[in-house]
Amino acid sequence: MKRVLLTIVVSWVCLISAKAQQTAGTSGLLNTPSADFNPDGTFSLGINYLPETVTPDWFDYPTGNFFLNITYFSFLELTFRTTLQRVPQNGNKMSNQDRSLSLRLRALKESYYLPAVVIGSNDILTSKFSTIINNDRKDNQFFGSVYGVATKNLSISDNTVGLTFGYEYATDRMSQFTGILAGIRFSPAFYTPLSLIVEYDADNMNIGTSVLLFKHIYLQVFTSEFKNISAGIAYRGQLH
């Protein structure tokens, strides 16, 4: 019984490490970007379950997405993401998809004294959406935002503590994610892929875990304001 309980505890805690903002398919924390970067040539292919608290206001229902993320160079990261949408004219079925592209540029690489700095943008391309909202035509840049973040990783008794701070501005009026971003990632010395994450995503406080298993399988689970659970899984590999 003790071994079973220990296995359950370790399995839960292991839902913590790898540097990915799984909800968006990019590098980061949980629902918050960071200045961490994957090695050149890294790619991830994954899916997520997303409650309405971690999505823009337009999505007033739980949804999901799937994504492809590629770190082309040591300073450039691109993510293509598709999010499922309900269609009122089709009985509120998930029969539509919102496609978006994210871009991240590393302006400063982390050094002994200085943090890493990243400038990024979500949903950088858009087209007109054929629905009228509040008597006004609405484009489909639901996840549109620009942000700047800094991250510094510290070694404390062989444990790693990552501190992230930044600001995000939503370019879409339907999004609530405008404001200060902050987060803490803790990775214990006994298992470095492991991380416990606490963050503020400019709207909610999130607490969760993530891990990279067998060097390729990335898992993430977290709660937003202790109201909803978000979860995701991805495969991670190298292009070369």
C-alpha atoms as a PDB file:
ATOM      1  CA  MET A   1       0.000   0.000   0.000  1.00  0.00           C
ATOM      2  CA  LYS A   2       2.836   2.416   0.835  1.00  0.00           C
ATOM      3  CA  ARG A   3       4.402   1.732  -2.537  1.00  0.00           C
ATOM      4  CA  VAL A   4       1.089   2.372  -4.278  1.00  0.00           C
ATOM      5  CA  LEU A   5       0.612   5.658  -2.413  1.00  0.00           C
ATOM      6  CA  LEU A   6       4.191   6.698  -3.157  1.00  0.00           C
ATOM      7  CA  THR A   7       3.681   5.915  -6.844  1.00  0.00           C
ATOM      8  CA  ILE A   8       0.508   8.023  -6.931  1.00  0.00           C
ATOM      9  CA  VAL A   9       2.214  10.945  -5.194  1.00  0.00           C
ATOM     10  CA  VAL A  10       5.264  10.819  -7.460  1.00  0.00           C
ATOM     11  CA  SER A  11       3.081  10.499 -10.557  1.00  0.00           C
ATOM     12  CA  TRP A  12       1.097  13.588  -9.512  1.00  0.00           C
ATOM     13  CA  VAL A  13       4.172  15.607  -8.664  1.00  0.00           C
ATOM     14  CA  CYS A  14       5.784  14.551 -11.922  1.00  0.00           C
ATOM     15  CA  LEU A  15       3.179  16.513 -13.826  1.00  0.00           C
ATOM     16  CA  ILE A  16       5.534  19.516 -13.482  1.00  0.00           C
ATOM     17  CA  SER A  17       8.730  20.232 -15.363  1.00  0.00           C
ATOM     18  CA  ALA A  18       9.585  20.872 -18.996  1.00  0.00           C
ATOM     19  CA  LYS A  19       9.496  24.458 -20.084  1.00  0.00           C
ATOM     20  CA  ALA A  20       6.169  24.797 -21.898  1.00  0.00           C
ATOM     21  CA  GLN A  21       3.125  27.010 -21.725  1.00  0.00           C
ATOM     22  CA  GLN A  22       1.007  24.043 -22.644  1.00  0.00           C
ATOM     23  CA  THR A  23      -2.298  25.914 -23.036  1.00  0.00           C
ATOM     24  CA  ALA A  24      -0.829  27.882 -25.946  1.00  0.00           C
ATOM     25  CA  GLY A  25       1.656  25.257 -27.111  1.00  0.00           C
ATOM     26  CA  THR A  26       4.609  27.618 -26.551  1.00  0.00           C
ATOM     27  CA  SER A  27       7.486  27.824 -24.080  1.00  0.00           C
ATOM     28  CA  GLY A  28       6.390  29.187 -20.728  1.00  0.00           C
ATOM     29  CA  LEU A  29       4.707  28.212 -17.482  1.00  0.00           C
ATOM     30  CA  LEU A  30       1.058  27.065 -17.347  1.00  0.00           C
ATOM     31  CA  ASN A  31      -1.144  29.730 -18.913  1.00  0.00           C
ATOM     32  CA  THR A  32       1.615  32.351 -18.774  1.00  0.00           C
ATOM     33  CA  PRO A  33       4.569  32.888 -21.146  1.00  0.00           C
ATOM     34  CA  SER A  34       8.110  32.967 -19.792  1.00  0.00           C
ATOM     35  CA  ALA A  35      11.523  33.758 -21.259  1.00  0.00           C
ATOM     36  CA  ASP A  36      12.606  30.112 -21.169  1.00  0.00           C
ATOM     37  CA  PHE A  37      13.527  28.692 -24.579  1.00  0.00           C
ATOM     38  CA  ASN A  38      13.775  25.126 -25.849  1.00  0.00           C
ATOM     39  CA  PRO A  39      16.971  24.028 -27.641  1.00  0.00           C
ATOM     40  CA  ASP A  40      17.289  24.808 -31.353  1.00  0.00           C
ATOM     41  CA  GLY A  41      15.404  22.228 -33.418  1.00  0.00           C
ATOM     42  CA  THR A  42      12.943  21.198 -30.715  1.00  0.00           C
ATOM     43  CA  PHE A  43       9.372  20.470 -31.813  1.00  0.00           C
ATOM     44  CA  SER A  44       6.196  19.611 -29.881  1.00  0.00           C
ATOM     45  CA  LEU A  45       2.887  18.228 -31.091  1.00  0.00           C
ATOM     46  CA  GLY A  46       0.060  18.151 -28.538  1.00  0.00           C
ATOM     47  CA  ILE A  47      -3.533  18.629 -27.424  1.00  0.00           C
ATOM     48  CA  ASN A  48      -5.187  20.381 -24.462  1.00  0.00           C
ATOM     49  CA  TYR A  49      -8.462  20.507 -22.577  1.00  0.00           C
ATOM     50  CA  LEU A  50      -9.218  24.143 -21.671  1.00  0.00           C
ATOM     51  CA  PRO A  51     -11.918  25.409 -19.267  1.00  0.00           C
ATOM     52  CA  GLU A  52     -13.374  28.846 -19.937  1.00  0.00           C
ATOM     53  CA  THR A  53     -11.278  30.503 -17.195  1.00  0.00           C
ATOM     54  CA  VAL A  54      -8.042  30.089 -19.183  1.00  0.00           C
ATOM     55  CA  THR A  55      -9.394  31.240 -22.556  1.00  0.00           C
ATOM     56  CA  PRO A  56     -10.490  34.665 -23.875  1.00  0.00           C
ATOM     57  CA  ASP A  57     -14.001  35.882 -22.986  1.00  0.00           C
ATOM     58  CA  TRP A  58     -15.312  34.834 -26.401  1.00  0.00           C
ATOM     59  CA  PHE A  59     -14.985  31.193 -25.272  1.00  0.00           C
ATOM     60  CA  ASP A  60     -17.605  31.102 -22.500  1.00  0.00           C
ATOM     61  CA  TYR A  61     -17.533  27.302 -22.593  1.00  0.00           C
ATOM     62  CA  PRO A  62     -14.902  24.557 -22.155  1.00  0.00           C
ATOM     63  CA  THR A  63     -12.976  23.814 -25.320  1.00  0.00           C
ATOM     64  CA  GLY A  64      -9.789  22.193 -26.542  1.00  0.00           C
ATOM     65  CA  ASN A  65      -6.925  22.817 -28.928  1.00  0.00           C
ATOM     66  CA  PHE A  66      -4.128  21.034 -30.737  1.00  0.00           C
ATOM     67  CA  PHE A  67      -0.817  22.572 -31.732  1.00  0.00           C
ATOM     68  CA  LEU A  68       2.549  22.256 -33.427  1.00  0.00           C
ATOM     69  CA  ASN A  69       5.468  24.151 -31.895  1.00  0.00           C
ATOM     70  CA  ILE A  70       8.926  24.470 -33.472  1.00  0.00           C
ATOM     71  CA  THR A  71      12.045  26.245 -32.202  1.00  0.00           C
ATOM     72  CA  TYR A  72      13.607  27.074 -35.590  1.00  0.00           C
ATOM     73  CA  PHE A  73      16.660  28.870 -34.205  1.00  0.00           C
ATOM     74  CA  SER A  74      18.040  29.512 -30.731  1.00  0.00           C
ATOM     75  CA  PHE A  75      16.200  32.846 -30.749  1.00  0.00           C
ATOM     76  CA  LEU A  76      12.998  32.090 -32.760  1.00  0.00           C
ATOM     77  CA  GLU A  77       9.978  29.975 -31.857  1.00  0.00           C
ATOM     78  CA  LEU A  78       6.764  29.497 -33.862  1.00  0.00           C
ATOM     79  CA  THR A  79       3.505  27.801 -32.877  1.00  0.00           C
ATOM     80  CA  PHE A  80       0.516  26.898 -35.012  1.00  0.00           C
ATOM     81  CA  ARG A  81      -2.595  26.274 -32.906  1.00  0.00           C
ATOM     82  CA  THR A  82      -6.194  25.253 -33.678  1.00  0.00           C
ATOM     83  CA  THR A  83      -8.922  25.826 -31.073  1.00  0.00           C
ATOM     84  CA  LEU A  84     -12.354  24.201 -31.300  1.00  0.00           C
ATOM     85  CA  GLN A  85     -15.394  26.498 -31.420  1.00  0.00           C
ATOM     86  CA  ARG A  86     -19.108  26.039 -30.882  1.00  0.00           C
ATOM     87  CA  VAL A  87     -21.444  27.115 -33.669  1.00  0.00           C
ATOM     88  CA  PRO A  88     -24.884  28.347 -32.469  1.00  0.00           C
ATOM     89  CA  GLN A  89     -26.367  27.804 -35.936  1.00  0.00           C
ATOM     90  CA  ASN A  90     -25.335  24.154 -35.704  1.00  0.00           C
ATOM     91  CA  GLY A  91     -26.810  23.331 -32.299  1.00  0.00           C
ATOM     92  CA  ASN A  92     -23.733  24.608 -30.403  1.00  0.00           C
ATOM     93  CA  LYS A  93     -21.679  21.711 -31.699  1.00  0.00           C
ATOM     94  CA  MET A  94     -17.886  22.003 -31.822  1.00  0.00           C
ATOM     95  CA  SER A  95     -17.991  22.227 -35.609  1.00  0.00           C
ATOM     96  CA  ASN A  96     -15.709  25.229 -36.192  1.00  0.00           C
ATOM     97  CA  GLN A  97     -11.993  25.838 -35.645  1.00  0.00           C
ATOM     98  CA  ASP A  98     -10.040  28.990 -34.850  1.00  0.00           C
ATOM     99  CA  ARG A  99      -6.514  28.879 -36.268  1.00  0.00           C
ATOM    100  CA  SER A 100      -3.791  31.059 -34.822  1.00  0.00           C
ATOM    101  CA  LEU A 101      -0.049  31.586 -35.064  1.00  0.00           C
ATOM    102  CA  SER A 102       2.280  32.581 -32.212  1.00  0.00           C
ATOM    103  CA  LEU A 103       5.804  33.993 -32.518  1.00  0.00           C
ATOM    104  CA  ARG A 104       8.485  34.384 -29.841  1.00  0.00           C
ATOM    105  CA  LEU A 105      11.843  36.171 -30.165  1.00  0.00           C
ATOM    106  CA  ARG A 106      14.565  35.929 -27.536  1.00  0.00           C
ATOM    107  CA  ALA A 107      16.024  39.402 -27.149  1.00  0.00           C
ATOM    108  CA  LEU A 108      18.475  38.470 -24.384  1.00  0.00           C
ATOM    109  CA  LYS A 109      19.904  35.099 -23.384  1.00  0.00           C
ATOM    110  CA  GLU A 110      20.121  34.386 -19.660  1.00  0.00           C
ATOM    111  CA  SER A 111      23.546  34.859 -18.084  1.00  0.00           C
ATOM    112  CA  TYR A 112      24.971  34.635 -14.586  1.00  0.00           C
ATOM    113  CA  TYR A 113      23.777  38.121 -13.694  1.00  0.00           C
ATOM    114  CA  LEU A 114      21.076  38.911 -16.253  1.00  0.00           C
ATOM    115  CA  PRO A 115      17.690  37.262 -16.910  1.00  0.00           C
ATOM    116  CA  ALA A 116      16.533  36.000 -20.275  1.00  0.00           C
ATOM    117  CA  VAL A 117      14.182  38.391 -22.072  1.00  0.00           C
ATOM    118  CA  VAL A 118      11.594  37.367 -24.677  1.00  0.00           C
ATOM    119  CA  ILE A 119       9.199  39.409 -26.801  1.00  0.00           C
ATOM    120  CA  GLY A 120       6.219  37.525 -28.175  1.00  0.00           C
ATOM    121  CA  SER A 121       2.896  37.785 -29.942  1.00  0.00           C
ATOM    122  CA  ASN A 122      -0.112  35.451 -30.090  1.00  0.00           C
ATOM    123  CA  ASP A 123      -2.562  35.202 -32.976  1.00  0.00           C
ATOM    124  CA  ILE A 124      -0.450  37.496 -35.140  1.00  0.00           C
ATOM    125  CA  LEU A 125      -2.527  36.942 -38.314  1.00  0.00           C
ATOM    126  CA  THR A 126      -6.263  37.502 -38.634  1.00  0.00           C
ATOM    127  CA  SER A 127      -9.155  37.706 -41.076  1.00  0.00           C
ATOM    128  CA  LYS A 128     -12.671  39.072 -40.751  1.00  0.00           C
ATOM    129  CA  PHE A 129     -15.151  36.925 -38.840  1.00  0.00           C
ATOM    130  CA  SER A 130     -18.620  36.763 -40.390  1.00  0.00           C
ATOM    131  CA  THR A 131     -20.595  37.233 -37.168  1.00  0.00           C
ATOM    132  CA  ILE A 132     -21.897  40.451 -35.640  1.00  0.00           C
ATOM    133  CA  ILE A 133     -21.158  40.898 -31.921  1.00  0.00           C
ATOM    134  CA  ASN A 134     -22.752  43.733 -29.964  1.00  0.00           C
ATOM    135  CA  ASN A 135     -23.838  45.379 -33.232  1.00  0.00           C
ATOM    136  CA  ASP A 136     -20.262  45.477 -34.445  1.00  0.00           C
ATOM    137  CA  ARG A 137     -18.359  43.290 -36.868  1.00  0.00           C
ATOM    138  CA  LYS A 138     -15.791  41.163 -35.084  1.00  0.00           C
ATOM    139  CA  ASP A 139     -12.549  39.758 -36.454  1.00  0.00           C
ATOM    140  CA  ASN A 140     -11.344  36.353 -35.305  1.00  0.00           C
ATOM    141  CA  GLN A 141      -8.157  37.391 -33.517  1.00  0.00           C
ATOM    142  CA  PHE A 142      -9.482  35.946 -30.256  1.00  0.00           C
ATOM    143  CA  PHE A 143      -6.038  35.213 -28.780  1.00  0.00           C
ATOM    144  CA  GLY A 144      -4.390  38.366 -30.095  1.00  0.00           C
ATOM    145  CA  SER A 145      -1.767  39.758 -27.700  1.00  0.00           C
ATOM    146  CA  VAL A 146       1.770  41.071 -27.428  1.00  0.00           C
ATOM    147  CA  TYR A 147       3.990  40.628 -24.387  1.00  0.00           C
ATOM    148  CA  GLY A 148       7.441  41.009 -22.932  1.00  0.00           C
ATOM    149  CA  VAL A 149       8.771  38.725 -20.176  1.00  0.00           C
ATOM    150  CA  ALA A 150      11.982  38.203 -18.231  1.00  0.00           C
ATOM    151  CA  THR A 151      12.992  34.960 -16.501  1.00  0.00           C
ATOM    152  CA  LYS A 152      15.884  34.285 -14.104  1.00  0.00           C
ATOM    153  CA  ASN A 153      16.730  30.782 -12.902  1.00  0.00           C
ATOM    154  CA  LEU A 154      18.464  30.455  -9.542  1.00  0.00           C
ATOM    155  CA  SER A 155      20.163  27.458  -7.955  1.00  0.00           C
ATOM    156  CA  ILE A 156      19.271  27.052  -4.273  1.00  0.00           C
ATOM    157  CA  SER A 157      20.738  23.987  -2.532  1.00  0.00           C
ATOM    158  CA  ASP A 158      20.901  22.285  -5.950  1.00  0.00           C
ATOM    159  CA  ASN A 159      17.196  22.969  -6.503  1.00  0.00           C
ATOM    160  CA  THR A 160      16.216  25.258  -9.378  1.00  0.00           C
ATOM    161  CA  VAL A 161      13.888  28.198  -8.833  1.00  0.00           C
ATOM    162  CA  GLY A 162      12.728  30.114 -11.895  1.00  0.00           C
ATOM    163  CA  LEU A 163      11.294  33.607 -11.484  1.00  0.00           C
ATOM    164  CA  THR A 164       9.233  35.161 -14.301  1.00  0.00           C
ATOM    165  CA  PHE A 165       7.849  38.677 -14.568  1.00  0.00           C
ATOM    166  CA  GLY A 166       6.347  40.544 -17.495  1.00  0.00           C
ATOM    167  CA  TYR A 167       3.452  42.374 -19.068  1.00  0.00           C
ATOM    168  CA  GLU A 168       0.913  41.300 -21.690  1.00  0.00           C
ATOM    169  CA  TYR A 169      -1.398  43.501 -23.728  1.00  0.00           C
ATOM    170  CA  ALA A 170      -4.425  41.932 -25.406  1.00  0.00           C
ATOM    171  CA  THR A 171      -4.929  43.330 -28.896  1.00  0.00           C
ATOM    172  CA  ASP A 172      -8.401  41.795 -28.989  1.00  0.00           C
ATOM    173  CA  ARG A 173     -11.125  43.483 -26.920  1.00  0.00           C
ATOM    174  CA  MET A 174     -12.757  40.136 -26.076  1.00  0.00           C
ATOM    175  CA  SER A 175      -9.698  38.958 -24.148  1.00  0.00           C
ATOM    176  CA  GLN A 176      -9.256  39.500 -20.407  1.00  0.00           C
ATOM    177  CA  PHE A 177      -5.513  38.823 -20.466  1.00  0.00           C
ATOM    178  CA  THR A 178      -4.081  42.330 -20.199  1.00  0.00           C
ATOM    179  CA  GLY A 179      -1.787  43.233 -17.319  1.00  0.00           C
ATOM    180  CA  ILE A 180       1.131  42.041 -15.225  1.00  0.00           C
ATOM    181  CA  LEU A 181       2.354  38.450 -15.546  1.00  0.00           C
ATOM    182  CA  ALA A 182       4.278  36.673 -12.811  1.00  0.00           C
ATOM    183  CA  GLY A 183       5.246  33.119 -11.964  1.00  0.00           C
ATOM    184  CA  ILE A 184       7.502  30.845  -9.913  1.00  0.00           C
ATOM    185  CA  ARG A 185       8.769  27.445 -11.033  1.00  0.00           C
ATOM    186  CA  PHE A 186      10.419  25.038  -8.575  1.00  0.00           C
ATOM    187  CA  SER A 187      12.377  21.989  -9.795  1.00  0.00           C
ATOM    188  CA  PRO A 188      13.823  19.705  -7.086  1.00  0.00           C
ATOM    189  CA  ALA A 189      17.396  18.461  -7.259  1.00  0.00           C
ATOM    190  CA  PHE A 190      16.345  14.804  -6.932  1.00  0.00           C
ATOM    191  CA  TYR A 191      14.400  14.947 -10.216  1.00  0.00           C
ATOM    192  CA  THR A 192      15.250  17.888 -12.447  1.00  0.00           C
ATOM    193  CA  PRO A 193      12.443  17.385 -15.014  1.00  0.00           C
ATOM    194  CA  LEU A 194      10.024  18.006 -12.160  1.00  0.00           C
ATOM    195  CA  SER A 195       8.524  21.459 -11.475  1.00  0.00           C
ATOM    196  CA  LEU A 196       5.870  22.939  -9.249  1.00  0.00           C
ATOM    197  CA  ILE A 197       4.420  26.098 -10.795  1.00  0.00           C
ATOM    198  CA  VAL A 198       2.473  29.000  -9.339  1.00  0.00           C
ATOM    199  CA  GLU A 199       1.559  31.878 -11.660  1.00  0.00           C
ATOM    200  CA  TYR A 200      -0.654  34.893 -12.229  1.00  0.00           C
ATOM    201  CA  ASP A 201      -1.723  35.134 -15.886  1.00  0.00           C
ATOM    202  CA  ALA A 202      -3.014  38.738 -15.722  1.00  0.00           C
ATOM    203  CA  ASP A 203      -6.469  37.452 -14.768  1.00  0.00           C
ATOM    204  CA  ASN A 204      -6.268  34.303 -12.615  1.00  0.00           C
ATOM    205  CA  MET A 205      -3.987  32.561 -10.151  1.00  0.00           C
ATOM    206  CA  ASN A 206      -3.005  29.126 -11.424  1.00  0.00           C
ATOM    207  CA  ILE A 207      -1.261  26.270  -9.608  1.00  0.00           C
ATOM    208  CA  GLY A 208      -0.109  23.101 -11.328  1.00  0.00           C
ATOM    209  CA  THR A 209       2.468  20.599 -12.377  1.00  0.00           C
ATOM    210  CA  SER A 210       4.133  19.323 -15.567  1.00  0.00           C
ATOM    211  CA  VAL A 211       6.767  16.775 -16.515  1.00  0.00           C
ATOM    212  CA  LEU A 212       8.722  15.371 -19.427  1.00  0.00           C
ATOM    213  CA  LEU A 213       8.530  11.558 -19.272  1.00  0.00           C
ATOM    214  CA  PHE A 214      10.762   9.164 -21.205  1.00  0.00           C
ATOM    215  CA  LYS A 215      12.456  12.251 -22.745  1.00  0.00           C
ATOM    216  CA  HIS A 216       9.542  12.778 -25.147  1.00  0.00           C
ATOM    217  CA  ILE A 217       6.114  12.728 -23.453  1.00  0.00           C
ATOM    218  CA  TYR A 218       5.101  16.028 -21.870  1.00  0.00           C
ATOM    219  CA  LEU A 219       2.168  16.186 -19.447  1.00  0.00           C
ATOM    220  CA  GLN A 220       0.591  19.123 -17.675  1.00  0.00           C
ATOM    221  CA  VAL A 221      -2.250  19.557 -15.174  1.00  0.00           C
ATOM    222  CA  PHE A 222      -3.252  22.696 -13.290  1.00  0.00           C
ATOM    223  CA  THR A 223      -6.150  24.387 -11.589  1.00  0.00           C
ATOM    224  CA  SER A 224      -7.298  27.945 -12.251  1.00  0.00           C
ATOM    225  CA  GLU A 225      -8.487  29.705  -9.073  1.00  0.00           C
ATOM    226  CA  PHE A 226      -9.244  26.199  -7.703  1.00  0.00           C
ATOM    227  CA  LYS A 227     -12.365  26.213  -9.866  1.00  0.00           C
ATOM    228  CA  ASN A 228     -11.428  24.319 -13.037  1.00  0.00           C
ATOM    229  CA  ILE A 229      -8.869  21.795 -14.181  1.00  0.00           C
ATOM    230  CA  SER A 230      -6.870  22.141 -17.384  1.00  0.00           C
ATOM    231  CA  ALA A 231      -4.777  19.299 -18.785  1.00  0.00           C
ATOM    232  CA  GLY A 232      -2.607  18.617 -21.796  1.00  0.00           C
ATOM    233  CA  ILE A 233      -0.300  16.067 -23.372  1.00  0.00           C
ATOM    234  CA  ALA A 234       2.350  16.524 -26.058  1.00  0.00           C
ATOM    235  CA  TYR A 235       5.111  14.649 -27.834  1.00  0.00           C
ATOM    236  CA  ARG A 236       8.453  16.418 -27.909  1.00  0.00           C
ATOM    237  CA  GLY A 237      11.404  15.630 -30.155  1.00  0.00           C
ATOM    238  CA  GLN A 238      14.297  17.022 -32.187  1.00  0.00           C
ATOM    239  CA  LEU A 239      14.373  17.845 -35.884  1.00  0.00           C
ATOM    240  CA  HIS A 240      18.073  16.951 -36.070  1.00  0.00           C
END
